């Protein structure tokens, strides 16, 4: 089997490491990276067998093409690679937003090239192939969209490969994915960045605040260290859901502000108690990744 990875960073590199570990010489992996240095490093780490800037060499004769660049680069990249793809090739991706990509790809894909939308719900605050690990997907949720039209046998061919990651696969429709991803991933990242911005705006108090920074602030803002290009693209391609949920969050915080201004201790207590009860209930059924 030949697999092409477009964007051999944290996600693409981790997939490569996992599949080479599981399949060895049974799979040949080609990779396209942003720079010559990252291409050399991807090969040194064993995430790919061959890394090159020659797109035809990367995707030509590939059975599966795994798209893992920032979201806004996916569709332009597919347009560039279309002349080199063989009949029956399967495109899948790791994009954090799904509707935008599918709406654009279905306009340009020929009937014998298949797209199956995916989103591994995993990651780290660090980016690049240096941060990749063969176990990144293990036990994590991995969304496969229900409605991108690939035949069952094509989908099964892809899943036979992806299941080697030992992820927990979930099938939902594309619109629901984007709404849910906004709540559990996109808005939290924006909120973490806002907290760092709040600290940065502390003015004369900044130095003193920095001396007081402890585990709570570090834990809450950890994901603010994520890749800026990736998150800017996510906001541009899932804007409606993100903006709506940010406005809802703004309303929640507004009610808390009103309760604090009114010295309404009971209302503030109830706010914390309700969120604690809900999170404790979630923890009974979901194991959070400490990383």
Protein backbone atom coordinates (compact mmCIF):
# COMPACT_ATOMS: atom_id res chain seq x y z
CA UNK A 1 0.00 0.00 0.00
CA UNK A 2 1.15 3.52 -0.74
CA UNK A 3 0.09 6.35 1.56
CA UNK A 4 0.80 10.02 0.87
CA UNK A 5 0.78 12.47 3.78
CA UNK A 6 0.37 16.13 2.94
CA UNK A 7 1.65 18.04 5.94
CA UNK A 8 3.93 15.77 7.97
CA UNK A 9 3.53 17.68 11.22
CA UNK A 10 2.10 16.59 14.55
CA UNK A 11 -0.96 14.77 13.15
CA UNK A 12 0.42 13.60 9.82
CA UNK A 13 3.72 12.61 11.39
CA UNK A 14 2.00 10.68 14.16
CA UNK A 15 -0.06 8.75 11.61
CA UNK A 16 3.10 7.91 9.70
CA UNK A 17 4.92 6.73 12.82
CA UNK A 18 1.94 4.59 13.85
CA UNK A 19 1.49 2.91 10.48
CA UNK A 20 5.20 2.25 9.97
CA UNK A 21 5.27 0.71 13.44
CA UNK A 22 2.29 -1.52 12.67
CA UNK A 23 2.90 -2.37 9.00
CA UNK A 24 6.62 -1.89 8.46
CA UNK A 25 7.53 -2.57 4.86
CA UNK A 26 3.90 -3.39 4.12
CA UNK A 27 3.27 0.30 3.57
CA UNK A 28 5.29 2.91 1.70
CA UNK A 29 4.69 6.44 2.95
CA UNK A 30 5.54 9.58 1.03
CA UNK A 31 5.34 13.03 2.57
CA UNK A 32 5.13 16.69 1.64
CA UNK A 33 6.32 19.21 4.22
CA UNK A 34 6.70 22.99 4.36
CA UNK A 35 10.49 23.09 4.32
CA UNK A 36 13.50 21.02 3.34
CA UNK A 37 14.50 20.83 7.01
CA UNK A 38 11.15 19.37 8.05
CA UNK A 39 11.28 16.88 5.18
CA UNK A 40 14.69 15.66 6.31
CA UNK A 41 13.51 15.43 9.91
CA UNK A 42 10.37 13.47 8.94
CA UNK A 43 12.57 10.88 7.24
CA UNK A 44 15.07 10.79 10.10
CA UNK A 45 12.28 10.13 12.60
CA UNK A 46 10.79 7.41 10.41
CA UNK A 47 7.42 9.11 9.87
CA UNK A 48 7.79 8.71 6.10
CA UNK A 49 9.88 6.63 3.73
CA UNK A 50 10.32 9.51 1.29
CA UNK A 51 9.78 13.24 1.72
CA UNK A 52 10.02 15.54 -1.27
CA UNK A 53 8.70 18.84 -2.59
CA UNK A 54 7.73 17.08 -5.85
CA UNK A 55 3.95 16.80 -5.51
CA UNK A 56 3.65 14.31 -8.36
CA UNK A 57 6.17 12.03 -6.65
CA UNK A 58 4.29 12.29 -3.35
CA UNK A 59 0.75 11.59 -4.52
CA UNK A 60 1.29 9.73 -7.80
CA UNK A 61 0.13 6.12 -7.49
CA UNK A 62 -0.99 6.72 -3.88
CA UNK A 63 -3.87 4.57 -2.65
CA UNK A 64 -4.68 6.97 0.18
CA UNK A 65 -3.84 10.66 0.51
CA UNK A 66 -3.96 12.00 4.06
CA UNK A 67 -4.42 15.77 4.09
CA UNK A 68 -3.06 17.40 7.22
CA UNK A 69 -2.15 21.02 6.43
CA UNK A 70 -4.03 24.04 7.89
CA UNK A 71 -7.68 23.89 6.80
CA UNK A 72 -7.57 26.72 4.25
CA UNK A 73 -4.70 25.01 2.43
CA UNK A 74 -6.53 21.72 1.89
CA UNK A 75 -8.73 22.63 -1.09
CA UNK A 76 -5.97 24.50 -3.00
CA UNK A 77 -3.67 21.53 -2.39
CA UNK A 78 -6.23 19.07 -3.76
CA UNK A 79 -6.62 21.22 -6.89
CA UNK A 80 -2.85 21.01 -7.44
CA UNK A 81 -2.68 17.25 -6.95
CA UNK A 82 -5.73 16.23 -9.04
CA UNK A 83 -3.75 15.74 -12.28
CA UNK A 84 -1.48 13.21 -10.54
CA UNK A 85 -4.06 11.08 -8.71
CA UNK A 86 -4.84 7.60 -9.93
CA UNK A 87 -8.39 6.30 -10.37
CA UNK A 88 -9.82 5.01 -7.11
CA UNK A 89 -7.58 7.15 -4.91
CA UNK A 90 -9.01 7.96 -1.50
CA UNK A 91 -8.65 11.42 0.03
CA UNK A 92 -9.14 11.88 3.74
CA UNK A 93 -8.13 14.67 6.05
CA UNK A 94 -7.50 15.75 9.62
CA UNK A 95 -9.20 19.13 9.33
CA UNK A 96 -10.90 20.48 12.43
CA UNK A 97 -13.76 21.83 10.33
CA UNK A 98 -15.60 19.69 7.81
CA UNK A 99 -18.45 21.51 6.02
CA UNK A 100 -16.23 24.06 4.31
CA UNK A 101 -13.86 21.45 2.93
CA UNK A 102 -16.60 19.13 1.65
CA UNK A 103 -18.60 21.93 0.04
CA UNK A 104 -15.54 22.91 -1.97
CA UNK A 105 -14.19 19.45 -2.77
CA UNK A 106 -17.44 18.07 -4.12
CA UNK A 107 -17.33 20.77 -6.80
CA UNK A 108 -13.98 19.62 -8.16
CA UNK A 109 -13.50 15.89 -7.48
CA UNK A 110 -14.03 13.52 -10.41
CA UNK A 111 -16.36 10.56 -9.77
CA UNK A 112 -13.48 8.08 -9.47
CA UNK A 113 -11.65 10.01 -6.73
CA UNK A 114 -13.21 9.63 -3.29
CA UNK A 115 -13.23 11.89 -0.25
CA UNK A 116 -13.98 10.65 3.26
CA UNK A 117 -13.98 13.46 5.79
CA UNK A 118 -12.19 12.74 9.05
CA UNK A 119 -11.10 14.52 12.19
CA UNK A 120 -8.89 12.92 14.84
CA UNK A 121 -9.86 14.64 18.09
CA UNK A 122 -6.36 14.63 19.47
CA UNK A 123 -3.30 16.81 19.55
CA UNK A 124 -0.79 18.59 21.68
CA UNK A 125 0.04 22.23 22.27
CA UNK A 126 3.27 21.70 20.33
CA UNK A 127 3.32 21.41 16.55
CA UNK A 128 5.61 19.90 13.94
CA UNK A 129 6.87 16.41 13.26
CA UNK A 130 9.22 16.70 16.27
CA UNK A 131 6.13 16.52 18.50
CA UNK A 132 4.69 13.48 16.69
CA UNK A 133 4.25 10.15 18.48
CA UNK A 134 3.05 6.76 17.25
CA UNK A 135 0.43 6.56 20.04
CA UNK A 136 -1.13 10.01 19.54
CA UNK A 137 -4.44 8.60 18.26
CA UNK A 138 -4.73 5.65 20.64
CA UNK A 139 -7.94 5.78 22.65
CA UNK A 140 -8.91 9.21 21.27
CA UNK A 141 -12.11 10.05 19.45
CA UNK A 142 -11.78 10.08 15.67
CA UNK A 143 -14.72 11.45 13.70
CA UNK A 144 -15.63 10.03 10.31
CA UNK A 145 -18.32 12.07 8.55
CA UNK A 146 -21.37 10.13 7.45
CA UNK A 147 -22.25 12.03 4.32
CA UNK A 148 -19.44 12.45 1.77
CA UNK A 149 -20.72 9.81 -0.60
CA UNK A 150 -17.89 7.26 -0.84
CA UNK A 151 -19.02 3.66 -1.55
CA UNK A 152 -18.97 1.24 1.37
CA UNK A 153 -16.04 -0.77 0.02
CA UNK A 154 -13.94 2.38 -0.39
CA UNK A 155 -14.73 3.49 3.12
CA UNK A 156 -13.82 0.05 4.48
CA UNK A 157 -10.49 0.17 2.65
CA UNK A 158 -9.65 3.42 4.44
CA UNK A 159 -10.94 2.21 7.80
CA UNK A 160 -8.77 -0.92 7.61
CA UNK A 161 -5.80 1.44 7.71
CA UNK A 162 -7.12 4.00 10.20
CA UNK A 163 -8.17 1.33 12.70
CA UNK A 164 -4.49 0.54 13.19
CA UNK A 165 -4.26 3.83 15.14
CA UNK A 166 -6.51 2.27 17.83
CA UNK A 167 -8.60 5.43 17.91
CA UNK A 168 -12.27 5.38 18.93
CA UNK A 169 -14.20 6.03 15.72
CA UNK A 170 -17.42 8.03 15.76
CA UNK A 171 -19.68 8.66 12.77
CA UNK A 172 -21.76 11.85 12.75
CA UNK A 173 -23.04 14.18 10.06
CA UNK A 174 -20.84 17.06 8.98
CA UNK A 175 -22.95 19.93 10.30
CA UNK A 176 -23.24 18.37 13.74
CA UNK A 177 -19.47 17.77 13.80
CA UNK A 178 -18.74 21.44 13.19
CA UNK A 179 -21.20 22.59 15.87
CA UNK A 180 -19.84 20.15 18.45
CA UNK A 181 -16.22 20.87 17.57
CA UNK A 182 -16.92 24.54 18.14
CA UNK A 183 -18.14 23.90 21.68
CA UNK A 184 -15.58 21.33 22.83
CA UNK A 185 -12.50 22.50 20.93
CA UNK A 186 -12.65 25.77 19.02
CA UNK A 187 -14.22 28.05 21.65
CA UNK A 188 -11.99 26.63 24.43
CA UNK A 189 -8.91 27.51 22.35
CA UNK A 190 -10.20 31.03 21.80
CA UNK A 191 -10.99 31.35 25.50
CA UNK A 192 -7.51 30.17 26.49
CA UNK A 193 -6.01 32.76 24.15
CA UNK A 194 -8.28 35.41 25.67
CA UNK A 195 -7.03 34.59 29.17
CA UNK A 196 -3.43 34.99 28.02
CA UNK A 197 -4.40 38.30 26.40
CA UNK A 198 -6.05 39.39 29.66
CA UNK A 199 -2.80 38.69 31.49
CA UNK A 200 -0.81 40.50 28.83
CA UNK A 201 -3.05 43.54 29.29
CA UNK A 202 -2.33 43.73 33.03
CA UNK A 203 -0.16 46.81 32.57
CA UNK A 204 1.73 47.79 35.71
CA UNK A 205 0.52 44.61 37.40
CA UNK A 206 2.00 42.28 34.76
CA UNK A 207 5.29 41.53 36.52
CA UNK A 208 3.53 40.79 39.80
CA UNK A 209 0.95 38.60 38.04
CA UNK A 210 3.69 36.60 36.37
CA UNK A 211 5.30 35.90 39.73
CA UNK A 212 1.99 34.49 40.95
CA UNK A 213 1.28 32.25 37.94
CA UNK A 214 0.68 28.68 39.06
CA UNK A 215 -0.81 25.42 37.89
CA UNK A 216 -4.34 26.71 37.46
CA UNK A 217 -3.39 29.37 34.93
CA UNK A 218 -0.95 27.07 33.16
CA UNK A 219 -3.50 24.25 32.87
CA UNK A 220 -6.30 26.55 31.72
CA UNK A 221 -4.19 28.28 29.07
CA UNK A 222 -2.07 25.33 27.87
CA UNK A 223 -3.83 25.08 24.53
CA UNK A 224 -3.13 28.75 23.79
CA UNK A 225 0.33 27.55 22.72
CA UNK A 226 -1.18 25.83 19.68
CA UNK A 227 -0.36 26.68 16.06
CA UNK A 228 -1.69 30.12 15.11
CA UNK A 229 -2.10 29.36 11.37
CA UNK A 230 -4.20 26.31 12.12
CA UNK A 231 -6.50 28.14 14.51
CA UNK A 232 -6.94 31.19 12.29
CA UNK A 233 -8.05 28.83 9.49
CA UNK A 234 -10.46 27.04 11.82
CA UNK A 235 -12.11 30.33 12.76
CA UNK A 236 -12.46 31.28 9.10
CA UNK A 237 -14.04 27.94 8.12
CA UNK A 238 -16.35 27.36 11.08
CA UNK A 239 -17.17 31.00 11.71
CA UNK A 240 -20.94 30.77 12.17
CA UNK A 241 -20.81 28.09 14.86
CA UNK A 242 -17.85 29.67 16.65
CA UNK A 243 -19.30 33.17 16.64
CA UNK A 244 -22.68 31.89 17.87
CA UNK A 245 -21.10 29.93 20.70
CA UNK A 246 -18.85 32.85 21.66
CA UNK A 247 -21.93 35.06 21.88
CA UNK A 248 -23.59 32.42 24.06
CA UNK A 249 -20.49 32.30 26.26
CA UNK A 250 -20.52 36.09 26.39
CA UNK A 251 -24.10 35.92 27.64
CA UNK A 252 -23.19 33.38 30.33
CA UNK A 253 -20.34 35.55 31.56
CA UNK A 254 -22.60 38.58 31.39
CA UNK A 255 -25.01 36.96 33.86
CA UNK A 256 -22.12 36.15 36.18
CA UNK A 257 -20.93 39.75 35.97
CA UNK A 258 -24.41 40.97 36.86
CA UNK A 259 -24.58 38.59 39.85
CA UNK A 260 -21.17 39.72 41.12
CA UNK A 261 -22.04 43.39 40.67
CA UNK A 262 -25.26 42.78 42.65
CA UNK A 263 -23.34 40.92 45.40
CA UNK A 264 -25.71 38.01 44.77
CA UNK A 265 -23.65 35.27 46.41
CA UNK A 266 -26.33 32.62 45.91
CA UNK A 267 -26.43 33.19 42.16
CA UNK A 268 -22.63 32.98 41.93
CA UNK A 269 -22.64 29.86 44.13
CA UNK A 270 -25.30 28.24 41.94
CA UNK A 271 -23.23 29.01 38.82
CA UNK A 272 -20.19 27.18 40.21
CA UNK A 273 -22.24 24.34 41.70
CA UNK A 274 -24.09 23.64 38.46
CA UNK A 275 -20.90 23.57 36.39
CA UNK A 276 -19.16 21.33 38.95
CA UNK A 277 -22.07 18.88 38.98
CA UNK A 278 -22.17 18.73 35.19
CA UNK A 279 -18.40 18.24 34.83
CA UNK A 280 -18.37 15.56 37.53
CA UNK A 281 -21.12 13.76 35.63
CA UNK A 282 -19.12 13.98 32.42
CA UNK A 283 -16.06 12.56 34.17
CA UNK A 284 -18.04 9.46 35.08
CA UNK A 285 -18.33 8.49 31.41
CA UNK A 286 -15.39 10.22 29.67
CA UNK A 287 -11.70 9.86 30.38
CA UNK A 288 -9.95 13.15 29.72
CA UNK A 289 -6.53 13.12 28.13
CA UNK A 290 -4.11 14.67 30.63
CA UNK A 291 -1.90 15.82 27.73
